[in-house]
Amino acid sequence: MPYASRRRARDRGQVALEYLGFLPILLIVAMAAVQLGLVAYAAQQAGTAARAGARSASLGEAYGSTCRAAVSTWLADGTSCEGSSGGDEITVSATVDIPSIVPGWNFDPVRKSATMPRDH
C-alpha cells in the first residue's frame, strides 16, 4: 500500500475523533438556543395571561382562572396571577415559571402586568 493512501486512511479516523470531541460543544449550543426560545415563549405567555386576566377583571369576572387558562397547558402549573385595583383601573400580574432544559441553568420566573379600565 502506498504511503499516501495509508496516510489518508489515518486522517479519516482523525476527523472522526475531532468530530466526537466537538459534539458536546454543539449539543450545548443547541440546548442553549432552545432554552433561549423557552425564555422568550414564557415571557410571551405571561403577557398574554396578564392581558386576559385584566380583561376579565375589568368586566367584574374572576380573573384567576382566565389568567391561567390563557397559558399553554404545560406552563399552566407554574403560573400564578395577582390582581390589584386602584380607582377606575385594574392591574393583573401573571408570573410564569421558566422550564430549564440545560442542567445547572435555573431562571427566575417571568412576570408581566396589564392594566385595563373598569367597565362600569
PDB file of N, CA and C in Angstrom:
ATOM      1  N   MET A   1       0.855  -1.171   0.000  1.00  0.00           N
ATOM      2  CA  MET A   1       0.000   0.000   0.000  1.00  0.00           C
ATOM      3  C   MET A   1       0.904   1.238   0.000  1.00  0.00           C
ATOM      4  N   PRO A   2       0.624   2.158  -0.910  1.00  0.00           N
ATOM      5  CA  PRO A   2       1.453   3.361  -0.969  1.00  0.00           C
ATOM      6  C   PRO A   2       1.282   4.195   0.298  1.00  0.00           C
ATOM      7  N   TYR A   3       2.283   4.996   0.555  1.00  0.00           N
ATOM      8  CA  TYR A   3       2.320   5.815   1.772  1.00  0.00           C
ATOM      9  C   TYR A   3       1.161   6.815   1.815  1.00  0.00           C
ATOM     10  N   ALA A   4       0.814   7.461   0.700  1.00  0.00           N
ATOM     11  CA  ALA A   4      -0.244   8.476   0.667  1.00  0.00           C
ATOM     12  C   ALA A   4      -1.607   7.883   1.018  1.00  0.00           C
ATOM     13  N   SER A   5      -1.896   6.678   0.540  1.00  0.00           N
ATOM     14  CA  SER A   5      -3.208   6.089   0.834  1.00  0.00           C
ATOM     15  C   SER A   5      -3.311   5.676   2.300  1.00  0.00           C
ATOM     16  N   ARG A   6      -2.190   5.207   2.897  1.00  0.00           N
ATOM     17  CA  ARG A   6      -2.219   4.870   4.322  1.00  0.00           C
ATOM     18  C   ARG A   6      -2.431   6.129   5.167  1.00  0.00           C
ATOM     19  N   ARG A   7      -1.834   7.230   4.747  1.00  0.00           N
ATOM     20  CA  ARG A   7      -1.976   8.478   5.489  1.00  0.00           C
ATOM     21  C   ARG A   7      -3.410   9.004   5.419  1.00  0.00           C
ATOM     22  N   ARG A   8      -4.055   8.895   4.236  1.00  0.00           N
ATOM     23  CA  ARG A   8      -5.444   9.328   4.112  1.00  0.00           C
ATOM     24  C   ARG A   8      -6.377   8.486   4.986  1.00  0.00           C
ATOM     25  N   ALA A   9      -6.136   7.206   5.104  1.00  0.00           N
ATOM     26  CA  ALA A   9      -6.963   6.341   5.940  1.00  0.00           C
ATOM     27  C   ALA A   9      -6.845   6.762   7.414  1.00  0.00           C
ATOM     28  N   ARG A  10      -5.633   7.105   7.847  1.00  0.00           N
ATOM     29  CA  ARG A  10      -5.450   7.570   9.222  1.00  0.00           C
ATOM     30  C   ARG A  10      -6.120   8.929   9.426  1.00  0.00           C
ATOM     31  N   ASP A  11      -6.080   9.797   8.405  1.00  0.00           N
ATOM     32  CA  ASP A  11      -6.707  11.112   8.509  1.00  0.00           C
ATOM     33  C   ASP A  11      -8.205  10.998   8.706  1.00  0.00           C
ATOM     34  N   ARG A  12      -8.814  10.031   8.058  1.00  0.00           N
ATOM     35  CA  ARG A  12     -10.254   9.858   8.223  1.00  0.00           C
ATOM     36  C   ARG A  12     -10.603   9.520   9.674  1.00  0.00           C
ATOM     37  N   GLY A  13      -9.817   8.719  10.304  1.00  0.00           N
ATOM     38  CA  GLY A  13     -10.034   8.403  11.711  1.00  0.00           C
ATOM     39  C   GLY A  13      -9.827   9.623  12.595  1.00  0.00           C
ATOM     40  N   GLN A  14      -8.880  10.463  12.216  1.00  0.00           N
ATOM     41  CA  GLN A  14      -8.619  11.682  12.987  1.00  0.00           C
ATOM     42  C   GLN A  14      -9.800  12.638  12.896  1.00  0.00           C
ATOM     43  N   VAL A  15     -10.400  12.764  11.739  1.00  0.00           N
ATOM     44  CA  VAL A  15     -11.563  13.636  11.572  1.00  0.00           C
ATOM     45  C   VAL A  15     -12.723  13.129  12.431  1.00  0.00           C
ATOM     46  N   ALA A  16     -12.908  11.833  12.492  1.00  0.00           N
ATOM     47  CA  ALA A  16     -13.986  11.274  13.319  1.00  0.00           C
ATOM     48  C   ALA A  16     -13.748  11.593  14.795  1.00  0.00           C
ATOM     49  N   LEU A  17     -12.501  11.482  15.245  1.00  0.00           N
ATOM     50  CA  LEU A  17     -12.200  11.803  16.644  1.00  0.00           C
ATOM     51  C   LEU A  17     -12.389  13.291  16.923  1.00  0.00           C
ATOM     52  N   GLU A  18     -12.011  14.154  15.989  1.00  0.00           N
ATOM     53  CA  GLU A  18     -12.220  15.585  16.168  1.00  0.00           C
ATOM     54  C   GLU A  18     -13.710  15.910  16.245  1.00  0.00           C
ATOM     55  N   TYR A  19     -14.496  15.251  15.420  1.00  0.00           N
ATOM     56  CA  TYR A  19     -15.945  15.465  15.437  1.00  0.00           C
ATOM     57  C   TYR A  19     -16.530  15.024  16.775  1.00  0.00           C
ATOM     58  N   LEU A  20     -16.100  13.870  17.282  1.00  0.00           N
ATOM     59  CA  LEU A  20     -16.599  13.395  18.570  1.00  0.00           C
ATOM     60  C   LEU A  20     -16.193  14.340  19.703  1.00  0.00           C
ATOM     61  N   GLY A  21     -15.038  14.951  19.586  1.00  0.00           N
ATOM     62  CA  GLY A  21     -14.610  15.894  20.599  1.00  0.00           C
ATOM     63  C   GLY A  21     -15.401  17.193  20.548  1.00  0.00           C
ATOM     64  N   PHE A  22     -15.848  17.578  19.368  1.00  0.00           N
ATOM     65  CA  PHE A  22     -16.586  18.822  19.187  1.00  0.00           C
ATOM     66  C   PHE A  22     -18.086  18.639  19.412  1.00  0.00           C
ATOM     67  N   LEU A  23     -18.575  17.419  19.380  1.00  0.00           N
ATOM     68  CA  LEU A  23     -20.001  17.130  19.518  1.00  0.00           C
ATOM     69  C   LEU A  23     -20.613  17.664  20.817  1.00  0.00           C
ATOM     70  N   PRO A  24     -19.975  17.525  21.975  1.00  0.00           N
ATOM     71  CA  PRO A  24     -20.580  18.090  23.196  1.00  0.00           C
ATOM     72  C   PRO A  24     -20.768  19.605  23.114  1.00  0.00           C
ATOM     73  N   ILE A  25     -19.843  20.304  22.494  1.00  0.00           N
ATOM     74  CA  ILE A  25     -19.983  21.757  22.341  1.00  0.00           C
ATOM     75  C   ILE A  25     -21.181  22.076  21.453  1.00  0.00           C
ATOM     76  N   LEU A  26     -21.349  21.331  20.382  1.00  0.00           N
ATOM     77  CA  LEU A  26     -22.503  21.535  19.506  1.00  0.00           C
ATOM     78  C   LEU A  26     -23.813  21.278  20.245  1.00  0.00           C
ATOM     79  N   LEU A  27     -23.847  20.257  21.074  1.00  0.00           N
ATOM     80  CA  LEU A  27     -25.062  19.947  21.831  1.00  0.00           C
ATOM     81  C   LEU A  27     -25.380  21.047  22.842  1.00  0.00           C
ATOM     82  N   ILE A  28     -24.369  21.575  23.505  1.00  0.00           N
ATOM     83  CA  ILE A  28     -24.598  22.649  24.476  1.00  0.00           C
ATOM     84  C   ILE A  28     -25.113  23.897  23.773  1.00  0.00           C
ATOM     85  N   VAL A  29     -24.558  24.229  22.619  1.00  0.00           N
ATOM     86  CA  VAL A  29     -25.021  25.400  21.862  1.00  0.00           C
ATOM     87  C   VAL A  29     -26.468  25.202  21.418  1.00  0.00           C
ATOM     88  N   ALA A  30     -26.811  24.000  20.964  1.00  0.00           N
ATOM     89  CA  ALA A  30     -28.188  23.727  20.536  1.00  0.00           C
ATOM     90  C   ALA A  30     -29.156  23.806  21.715  1.00  0.00           C
ATOM     91  N   MET A  31     -28.761  23.256  22.860  1.00  0.00           N
ATOM     92  CA  MET A  31     -29.632  23.317  24.035  1.00  0.00           C
ATOM     93  C   MET A  31     -29.783  24.754  24.532  1.00  0.00           C
ATOM     94  N   ALA A  32     -28.726  25.550  24.440  1.00  0.00           N
ATOM     95  CA  ALA A  32     -28.820  26.954  24.843  1.00  0.00           C
ATOM     96  C   ALA A  32     -29.772  27.714  23.928  1.00  0.00           C
ATOM     97  N   ALA A  33     -29.770  27.405  22.630  1.00  0.00           N
ATOM     98  CA  ALA A  33     -30.685  28.059  21.693  1.00  0.00           C
ATOM     99  C   ALA A  33     -32.133  27.693  22.016  1.00  0.00           C
ATOM    100  N   VAL A  34     -32.387  26.433  22.315  1.00  0.00           N
ATOM    101  CA  VAL A  34     -33.738  26.006  22.686  1.00  0.00           C
ATOM    102  C   VAL A  34     -34.149  26.665  23.996  1.00  0.00           C
ATOM    103  N   GLN A  35     -33.219  26.763  24.950  1.00  0.00           N
ATOM    104  CA  GLN A  35     -33.526  27.403  26.231  1.00  0.00           C
ATOM    105  C   GLN A  35     -33.879  28.867  26.036  1.00  0.00           C
ATOM    106  N   LEU A  36     -33.161  29.551  25.173  1.00  0.00           N
ATOM    107  CA  LEU A  36     -33.464  30.950  24.882  1.00  0.00           C
ATOM    108  C   LEU A  36     -34.867  31.088  24.294  1.00  0.00           C
ATOM    109  N   GLY A  37     -35.250  30.160  23.441  1.00  0.00           N
ATOM    110  CA  GLY A  37     -36.601  30.157  22.898  1.00  0.00           C
ATOM    111  C   GLY A  37     -37.646  29.939  23.981  1.00  0.00           C
ATOM    112  N   LEU A  38     -37.353  29.060  24.948  1.00  0.00           N
ATOM    113  CA  LEU A  38     -38.285  28.823  26.057  1.00  0.00           C
ATOM    114  C   LEU A  38     -38.451  30.065  26.931  1.00  0.00           C
ATOM    115  N   VAL A  39     -37.367  30.799  27.136  1.00  0.00           N
ATOM    116  CA  VAL A  39     -37.450  32.031  27.924  1.00  0.00           C
ATOM    117  C   VAL A  39     -38.365  33.036  27.226  1.00  0.00           C
ATOM    118  N   ALA A  40     -38.162  33.203  25.923  1.00  0.00           N
ATOM    119  CA  ALA A  40     -38.994  34.141  25.159  1.00  0.00           C
ATOM    120  C   ALA A  40     -40.456  33.686  25.138  1.00  0.00           C
ATOM    121  N   TYR A  41     -40.684  32.391  24.988  1.00  0.00           N
ATOM    122  CA  TYR A  41     -42.047  31.872  24.947  1.00  0.00           C
ATOM    123  C   TYR A  41     -42.749  32.067  26.292  1.00  0.00           C
ATOM    124  N   ALA A  42     -42.043  31.809  27.396  1.00  0.00           N
ATOM    125  CA  ALA A  42     -42.635  32.006  28.718  1.00  0.00           C
ATOM    126  C   ALA A  42     -42.985  33.478  28.939  1.00  0.00           C
ATOM    127  N   ALA A  43     -42.136  34.391  28.472  1.00  0.00           N
ATOM    128  CA  ALA A  43     -42.421  35.823  28.606  1.00  0.00           C
ATOM    129  C   ALA A  43     -43.660  36.200  27.804  1.00  0.00           C
ATOM    130  N   GLN A  44     -43.777  35.656  26.606  1.00  0.00           N
ATOM    131  CA  GLN A  44     -44.950  35.935  25.774  1.00  0.00           C
ATOM    132  C   GLN A  44     -46.216  35.388  26.431  1.00  0.00           C
ATOM    133  N   GLN A  45     -46.133  34.195  27.001  1.00  0.00           N
ATOM    134  CA  GLN A  45     -47.282  33.583  27.660  1.00  0.00           C
ATOM    135  C   GLN A  45     -47.697  34.374  28.899  1.00  0.00           C
ATOM    136  N   ALA A  46     -46.728  34.905  29.634  1.00  0.00           N
ATOM    137  CA  ALA A  46     -47.047  35.715  30.813  1.00  0.00           C
ATOM    138  C   ALA A  46     -47.775  36.990  30.411  1.00  0.00           C
ATOM    139  N   GLY A  47     -47.356  37.612  29.327  1.00  0.00           N
ATOM    140  CA  GLY A  47     -48.049  38.809  28.841  1.00  0.00           C
ATOM    141  C   GLY A  47     -49.466  38.514  28.409  1.00  0.00           C
ATOM    142  N   THR A  48     -49.649  37.409  27.722  1.00  0.00           N
ATOM    143  CA  THR A  48     -50.985  37.003  27.288  1.00  0.00           C
ATOM    144  C   THR A  48     -51.882  36.720  28.492  1.00  0.00           C
ATOM    145  N   ALA A  49     -51.343  36.038  29.490  1.00  0.00           N
ATOM    146  CA  ALA A  49     -52.123  35.712  30.684  1.00  0.00           C
ATOM    147  C   ALA A  49     -52.513  36.974  31.447  1.00  0.00           C
ATOM    148  N   ALA A  50     -51.588  37.917  31.559  1.00  0.00           N
ATOM    149  CA  ALA A  50     -51.889  39.163  32.278  1.00  0.00           C
ATOM    150  C   ALA A  50     -52.984  39.951  31.560  1.00  0.00           C
ATOM    151  N   ARG A  51     -52.908  40.028  30.240  1.00  0.00           N
ATOM    152  CA  ARG A  51     -53.950  40.748  29.490  1.00  0.00           C
ATOM    153  C   ARG A  51     -55.301  40.073  29.614  1.00  0.00           C
ATOM    154  N   ALA A  52     -55.330  38.742  29.519  1.00  0.00           N
ATOM    155  CA  ALA A  52     -56.604  38.016  29.633  1.00  0.00           C
ATOM    156  C   ALA A  52     -57.192  38.186  31.033  1.00  0.00           C
ATOM    157  N   GLY A  53     -56.347  38.104  32.053  1.00  0.00           N
ATOM    158  CA  GLY A  53     -56.828  38.295  33.418  1.00  0.00           C
ATOM    159  C   GLY A  53     -57.333  39.706  33.651  1.00  0.00           C
ATOM    160  N   ALA A  54     -56.619  40.709  33.140  1.00  0.00           N
ATOM    161  CA  ALA A  54     -57.052  42.106  33.312  1.00  0.00           C
ATOM    162  C   ALA A  54     -58.364  42.358  32.581  1.00  0.00           C
ATOM    163  N   ARG A  55     -58.527  41.746  31.418  1.00  0.00           N
ATOM    164  CA  ARG A  55     -59.781  41.906  30.672  1.00  0.00           C
ATOM    165  C   ARG A  55     -60.949  41.332  31.463  1.00  0.00           C
ATOM    166  N   SER A  56     -60.769  40.140  32.046  1.00  0.00           N
ATOM    167  CA  SER A  56     -61.829  39.534  32.857  1.00  0.00           C
ATOM    168  C   SER A  56     -62.122  40.357  34.102  1.00  0.00           C
ATOM    169  N   ALA A  57     -61.073  40.809  34.770  1.00  0.00           N
ATOM    170  CA  ALA A  57     -61.258  41.595  35.987  1.00  0.00           C
ATOM    171  C   ALA A  57     -61.933  42.924  35.694  1.00  0.00           C
ATOM    172  N   SER A  58     -61.643  43.511  34.540  1.00  0.00           N
ATOM    173  CA  SER A  58     -62.271  44.793  34.202  1.00  0.00           C
ATOM    174  C   SER A  58     -63.770  44.637  33.962  1.00  0.00           C
ATOM    175  N   LEU A  59     -64.196  43.441  33.616  1.00  0.00           N
ATOM    176  CA  LEU A  59     -65.621  43.165  33.410  1.00  0.00           C
ATOM    177  C   LEU A  59     -66.300  42.677  34.685  1.00  0.00           C
ATOM    178  N   GLY A  60     -65.539  42.612  35.784  1.00  0.00           N
ATOM    179  CA  GLY A  60     -66.105  42.183  37.058  1.00  0.00           C
ATOM    180  C   GLY A  60     -66.137  40.681  37.236  1.00  0.00           C
ATOM    181  N   GLU A  61     -65.439  39.949  36.410  1.00  0.00           N
ATOM    182  CA  GLU A  61     -65.405  38.489  36.498  1.00  0.00           C
ATOM    183  C   GLU A  61     -64.163  38.056  37.278  1.00  0.00           C
ATOM    184  N   ALA A  62     -64.132  36.781  37.657  1.00  0.00           N
ATOM    185  CA  ALA A  62     -62.951  36.230  38.328  1.00  0.00           C
ATOM    186  C   ALA A  62     -61.810  36.155  37.322  1.00  0.00           C
ATOM    187  N   TYR A  63     -60.662  36.674  37.696  1.00  0.00           N
ATOM    188  CA  TYR A  63     -59.554  36.758  36.738  1.00  0.00           C
ATOM    189  C   TYR A  63     -58.564  35.594  36.849  1.00  0.00           C
ATOM    190  N   GLY A  64     -58.512  34.906  37.991  1.00  0.00           N
ATOM    191  CA  GLY A  64     -57.502  33.872  38.216  1.00  0.00           C
ATOM    192  C   GLY A  64     -57.574  32.727  37.240  1.00  0.00           C
ATOM    193  N   SER A  65     -58.761  32.169  37.059  1.00  0.00           N
ATOM    194  CA  SER A  65     -58.890  31.025  36.155  1.00  0.00           C
ATOM    195  C   SER A  65     -58.704  31.448  34.705  1.00  0.00           C
ATOM    196  N   THR A  66     -59.160  32.644  34.348  1.00  0.00           N
ATOM    197  CA  THR A  66     -58.980  33.145  32.986  1.00  0.00           C
ATOM    198  C   THR A  66     -57.502  33.379  32.699  1.00  0.00           C
ATOM    199  N   CYS A  67     -56.815  33.899  33.673  1.00  0.00           N
ATOM    200  CA  CYS A  67     -55.386  34.172  33.530  1.00  0.00           C
ATOM    201  C   CYS A  67     -54.620  32.870  33.278  1.00  0.00           C
ATOM    202  N   ARG A  68     -54.865  31.842  34.091  1.00  0.00           N
ATOM    203  CA  ARG A  68     -54.161  30.567  33.918  1.00  0.00           C
ATOM    204  C   ARG A  68     -54.596  29.834  32.657  1.00  0.00           C
ATOM    205  N   ALA A  69     -55.851  30.007  32.247  1.00  0.00           N
ATOM    206  CA  ALA A  69     -56.332  29.336  31.034  1.00  0.00           C
ATOM    207  C   ALA A  69     -55.698  29.914  29.777  1.00  0.00           C
ATOM    208  N   ALA A  70     -55.188  31.132  29.850  1.00  0.00           N
ATOM    209  CA  ALA A  70     -54.568  31.758  28.680  1.00  0.00           C
ATOM    210  C   ALA A  70     -53.151  31.250  28.427  1.00  0.00           C
ATOM    211  N   VAL A  71     -52.615  30.474  29.370  1.00  0.00           N
ATOM    212  CA  VAL A  71     -51.252  29.954  29.261  1.00  0.00           C
ATOM    213  C   VAL A  71     -51.303  28.529  28.714  1.00  0.00           C
ATOM    214  N   SER A  72     -50.302  28.142  27.947  1.00  0.00           N
ATOM    215  CA  SER A  72     -50.213  26.765  27.451  1.00  0.00           C
ATOM    216  C   SER A  72     -50.303  25.788  28.615  1.00  0.00           C
ATOM    217  N   THR A  73     -50.912  24.647  28.380  1.00  0.00           N
ATOM    218  CA  THR A  73     -51.171  23.691  29.455  1.00  0.00           C
ATOM    219  C   THR A  73     -49.892  23.229  30.148  1.00  0.00           C
ATOM    220  N   TRP A  74     -48.793  23.087  29.419  1.00  0.00           N
ATOM    221  CA  TRP A  74     -47.566  22.605  30.048  1.00  0.00           C
ATOM    222  C   TRP A  74     -46.862  23.688  30.867  1.00  0.00           C
ATOM    223  N   LEU A  75     -47.312  24.940  30.758  1.00  0.00           N
ATOM    224  CA  LEU A  75     -46.778  26.016  31.592  1.00  0.00           C
ATOM    225  C   LEU A  75     -47.778  26.444  32.676  1.00  0.00           C
ATOM    226  N   ALA A  76     -49.017  26.000  32.588  1.00  0.00           N
ATOM    227  CA  ALA A  76     -50.077  26.481  33.483  1.00  0.00           C
ATOM    228  C   ALA A  76     -49.826  26.118  34.941  1.00  0.00           C
ATOM    229  N   ASP A  77     -49.204  24.976  35.218  1.00  0.00           N
ATOM    230  CA  ASP A  77     -48.964  24.585  36.611  1.00  0.00           C
ATOM    231  C   ASP A  77     -48.033  25.555  37.324  1.00  0.00           C
ATOM    232  N   GLY A  78     -47.130  26.178  36.599  1.00  0.00           N
ATOM    233  CA  GLY A  78     -46.197  27.125  37.199  1.00  0.00           C
ATOM    234  C   GLY A  78     -46.619  28.567  37.021  1.00  0.00           C
ATOM    235  N   THR A  79     -47.921  28.795  36.850  1.00  0.00           N
ATOM    236  CA  THR A  79     -48.422  30.149  36.619  1.00  0.00           C
ATOM    237  C   THR A  79     -49.234  30.621  37.820  1.00  0.00           C
ATOM    238  N   SER A  80     -48.975  31.856  38.234  1.00  0.00           N
ATOM    239  CA  SER A  80     -49.789  32.464  39.284  1.00  0.00           C
ATOM    240  C   SER A  80     -50.199  33.863  38.832  1.00  0.00           C
ATOM    241  N   CYS A  81     -51.362  34.301  39.296  1.00  0.00           N
ATOM    242  CA  CYS A  81     -51.909  35.598  38.891  1.00  0.00           C
ATOM    243  C   CYS A  81     -52.342  36.377  40.126  1.00  0.00           C
ATOM    244  N   GLU A  82     -52.030  37.653  40.127  1.00  0.00           N
ATOM    245  CA  GLU A  82     -52.411  38.538  41.229  1.00  0.00           C
ATOM    246  C   GLU A  82     -53.066  39.774  40.643  1.00  0.00           C
ATOM    247  N   GLY A  83     -54.056  40.276  41.319  1.00  0.00           N
ATOM    248  CA  GLY A  83     -54.743  41.473  40.853  1.00  0.00           C
ATOM    249  C   GLY A  83     -54.741  42.569  41.896  1.00  0.00           C
ATOM    250  N   SER A  84     -54.777  43.794  41.424  1.00  0.00           N
ATOM    251  CA  SER A  84     -54.906  44.945  42.322  1.00  0.00           C
ATOM    252  C   SER A  84     -55.710  46.009  41.601  1.00  0.00           C
ATOM    253  N   SER A  85     -56.474  46.746  42.375  1.00  0.00           N
ATOM    254  CA  SER A  85     -57.296  47.782  41.754  1.00  0.00           C
ATOM    255  C   SER A  85     -56.956  49.120  42.374  1.00  0.00           C
ATOM    256  N   GLY A  86     -57.082  50.132  41.558  1.00  0.00           N
ATOM    257  CA  GLY A  86     -56.849  51.489  42.012  1.00  0.00           C
ATOM    258  C   GLY A  86     -57.774  52.422  41.258  1.00  0.00           C
ATOM    259  N   GLY A  87     -58.829  52.852  41.895  1.00  0.00           N
ATOM    260  CA  GLY A  87     -59.755  53.762  41.245  1.00  0.00           C
ATOM    261  C   GLY A  87     -60.511  53.104  40.107  1.00  0.00           C
ATOM    262  N   ASP A  88     -60.356  53.646  38.925  1.00  0.00           N
ATOM    263  CA  ASP A  88     -61.078  53.145  37.753  1.00  0.00           C
ATOM    264  C   ASP A  88     -60.277  52.130  36.944  1.00  0.00           C
ATOM    265  N   GLU A  89     -59.168  51.659  37.472  1.00  0.00           N
ATOM    266  CA  GLU A  89     -58.320  50.708  36.743  1.00  0.00           C
ATOM    267  C   GLU A  89     -58.092  49.452  37.562  1.00  0.00           C
ATOM    268  N   ILE A  90     -57.836  48.377  36.862  1.00  0.00           N
ATOM    269  CA  ILE A  90     -57.470  47.108  37.499  1.00  0.00           C
ATOM    270  C   ILE A  90     -56.191  46.614  36.845  1.00  0.00           C
ATOM    271  N   THR A  91     -55.260  46.136  37.662  1.00  0.00           N
ATOM    272  CA  THR A  91     -53.994  45.608  37.164  1.00  0.00           C
ATOM    273  C   THR A  91     -53.883  44.148  37.563  1.00  0.00           C
ATOM    274  N   VAL A  92     -53.532  43.321  36.614  1.00  0.00           N
ATOM    275  CA  VAL A  92     -53.308  41.901  36.876  1.00  0.00           C
ATOM    276  C   VAL A  92     -51.873  41.584  36.475  1.00  0.00           C
ATOM    277  N   SER A  93     -51.165  40.906  37.369  1.00  0.00           N
ATOM    278  CA  SER A  93     -49.794  40.478  37.106  1.00  0.00           C
ATOM    279  C   SER A  93     -49.770  38.962  37.021  1.00  0.00           C
ATOM    280  N   ALA A  94     -49.156  38.442  35.975  1.00  0.00           N
ATOM    281  CA  ALA A  94     -49.017  36.997  35.788  1.00  0.00           C
ATOM    282  C   ALA A  94     -47.547  36.630  35.931  1.00  0.00           C
ATOM    283  N   THR A  95     -47.289  35.590  36.692  1.00  0.00           N
ATOM    284  CA  THR A  95     -45.936  35.086  36.885  1.00  0.00           C
ATOM    285  C   THR A  95     -45.882  33.664  36.340  1.00  0.00           C
ATOM    286  N   VAL A  96     -44.948  33.407  35.415  1.00  0.00           N
ATOM    287  CA  VAL A  96     -44.817  32.100  34.775  1.00  0.00           C
ATOM    288  C   VAL A  96     -43.417  31.569  35.047  1.00  0.00           C
ATOM    289  N   ASP A  97     -43.333  30.329  35.536  1.00  0.00           N
ATOM    290  CA  ASP A  97     -42.040  29.679  35.741  1.00  0.00           C
ATOM    291  C   ASP A  97     -41.432  29.317  34.395  1.00  0.00           C
ATOM    292  N   ILE A  98     -40.126  29.501  34.271  1.00  0.00           N
ATOM    293  CA  ILE A  98     -39.414  29.164  33.035  1.00  0.00           C
ATOM    294  C   ILE A  98     -38.815  27.773  33.197  1.00  0.00           C
ATOM    295  N   PRO A  99     -39.236  26.815  32.370  1.00  0.00           N
ATOM    296  CA  PRO A  99     -38.649  25.472  32.474  1.00  0.00           C
ATOM    297  C   PRO A  99     -37.200  25.484  31.994  1.00  0.00           C
ATOM    298  N   SER A 100     -36.372  24.668  32.619  1.00  0.00           N
ATOM    299  CA  SER A 100     -34.961  24.608  32.260  1.00  0.00           C
ATOM    300  C   SER A 100     -34.649  23.261  31.617  1.00  0.00           C
ATOM    301  N   ILE A 101     -33.995  23.293  30.456  1.00  0.00           N
ATOM    302  CA  ILE A 101     -33.572  22.047  29.817  1.00  0.00           C
ATOM    303  C   ILE A 101     -32.068  21.861  29.903  1.00  0.00           C
ATOM    304  N   VAL A 102     -31.347  22.914  30.258  1.00  0.00           N
ATOM    305  CA  VAL A 102     -29.896  22.823  30.391  1.00  0.00           C
ATOM    306  C   VAL A 102     -29.580  22.594  31.867  1.00  0.00           C
ATOM    307  N   PRO A 103     -28.921  21.490  32.199  1.00  0.00           N
ATOM    308  CA  PRO A 103     -28.610  21.220  33.606  1.00  0.00           C
ATOM    309  C   PRO A 103     -27.779  22.354  34.218  1.00  0.00           C
ATOM    310  N   GLY A 104     -28.203  22.787  35.392  1.00  0.00           N
ATOM    311  CA  GLY A 104     -27.474  23.839  36.091  1.00  0.00           C
ATOM    312  C   GLY A 104     -27.923  25.246  35.756  1.00  0.00           C
ATOM    313  N   TRP A 105     -28.741  25.403  34.742  1.00  0.00           N
ATOM    314  CA  TRP A 105     -29.258  26.722  34.379  1.00  0.00           C
ATOM    315  C   TRP A 105     -30.640  26.864  34.987  1.00  0.00           C
ATOM    316  N   ASN A 106     -30.770  27.721  35.967  1.00  0.00           N
ATOM    317  CA  ASN A 106     -32.061  27.984  36.594  1.00  0.00           C
ATOM    318  C   ASN A 106     -32.399  29.452  36.400  1.00  0.00           C
ATOM    319  N   PHE A 107     -33.634  29.710  36.095  1.00  0.00           N
ATOM    320  CA  PHE A 107     -34.076  31.063  35.792  1.00  0.00           C
ATOM    321  C   PHE A 107     -35.142  31.499  36.778  1.00  0.00           C
ATOM    322  N   ASP A 108     -35.157  32.792  37.074  1.00  0.00           N
ATOM    323  CA  ASP A 108     -36.245  33.355  37.861  1.00  0.00           C
ATOM    324  C   ASP A 108     -37.503  33.347  37.000  1.00  0.00           C
ATOM    325  N   PRO A 109     -38.673  33.255  37.614  1.00  0.00           N
ATOM    326  CA  PRO A 109     -39.899  33.304  36.818  1.00  0.00           C
ATOM    327  C   PRO A 109     -40.047  34.659  36.129  1.00  0.00           C
ATOM    328  N   VAL A 110     -40.743  34.657  35.018  1.00  0.00           N
ATOM    329  CA  VAL A 110     -41.009  35.903  34.291  1.00  0.00           C
ATOM    330  C   VAL A 110     -42.340  36.464  34.775  1.00  0.00           C
ATOM    331  N   ARG A 111     -42.388  37.786  34.927  1.00  0.00           N
ATOM    332  CA  ARG A 111     -43.597  38.440  35.455  1.00  0.00           C
ATOM    333  C   ARG A 111     -43.987  39.577  34.520  1.00  0.00           C
ATOM    334  N   LYS A 112     -45.233  39.562  34.103  1.00  0.00           N
ATOM    335  CA  LYS A 112     -45.781  40.618  33.238  1.00  0.00           C
ATOM    336  C   LYS A 112     -47.069  41.138  33.851  1.00  0.00           C
ATOM    337  N   SER A 113     -47.341  42.413  33.635  1.00  0.00           N
ATOM    338  CA  SER A 113     -48.552  43.053  34.157  1.00  0.00           C
ATOM    339  C   SER A 113     -49.335  43.716  33.035  1.00  0.00           C
ATOM    340  N   ALA A 114     -50.637  43.807  33.232  1.00  0.00           N
ATOM    341  CA  ALA A 114     -51.513  44.500  32.295  1.00  0.00           C
ATOM    342  C   ALA A 114     -52.531  45.283  33.102  1.00  0.00           C
ATOM    343  N   THR A 115     -52.802  46.490  32.652  1.00  0.00           N
ATOM    344  CA  THR A 115     -53.769  47.374  33.311  1.00  0.00           C
ATOM    345  C   THR A 115     -54.885  47.708  32.335  1.00  0.00           C
ATOM    346  N   MET A 116     -56.125  47.616  32.794  1.00  0.00           N
ATOM    347  CA  MET A 116     -57.281  47.951  31.963  1.00  0.00           C
ATOM    348  C   MET A 116     -58.272  48.755  32.788  1.00  0.00           C
ATOM    349  N   PRO A 117     -59.051  49.603  32.110  1.00  0.00           N
ATOM    350  CA  PRO A 117     -60.054  50.378  32.833  1.00  0.00           C
ATOM    351  C   PRO A 117     -61.222  49.477  33.242  1.00  0.00           C
ATOM    352  N   ARG A 118     -61.826  49.808  34.362  1.00  0.00           N
ATOM    353  CA  ARG A 118     -63.007  49.064  34.809  1.00  0.00           C
ATOM    354  C   ARG A 118     -64.185  49.399  33.890  1.00  0.00           C
ATOM    355  N   ASP A 119     -64.965  48.361  33.621  1.00  0.00           N
ATOM    356  CA  ASP A 119     -66.173  48.550  32.820  1.00  0.00           C
ATOM    357  C   ASP A 119     -67.309  48.859  33.774  1.00  0.00           C
ATOM    358  N   HIS A 120     -67.852  50.040  33.676  1.00  0.00           N
ATOM    359  CA  HIS A 120     -68.901  50.464  34.610  1.00  0.00           C
ATOM    360  C   HIS A 120     -70.258  50.134  34.077  1.00  0.00           C
TER     361      HIS A 120
END
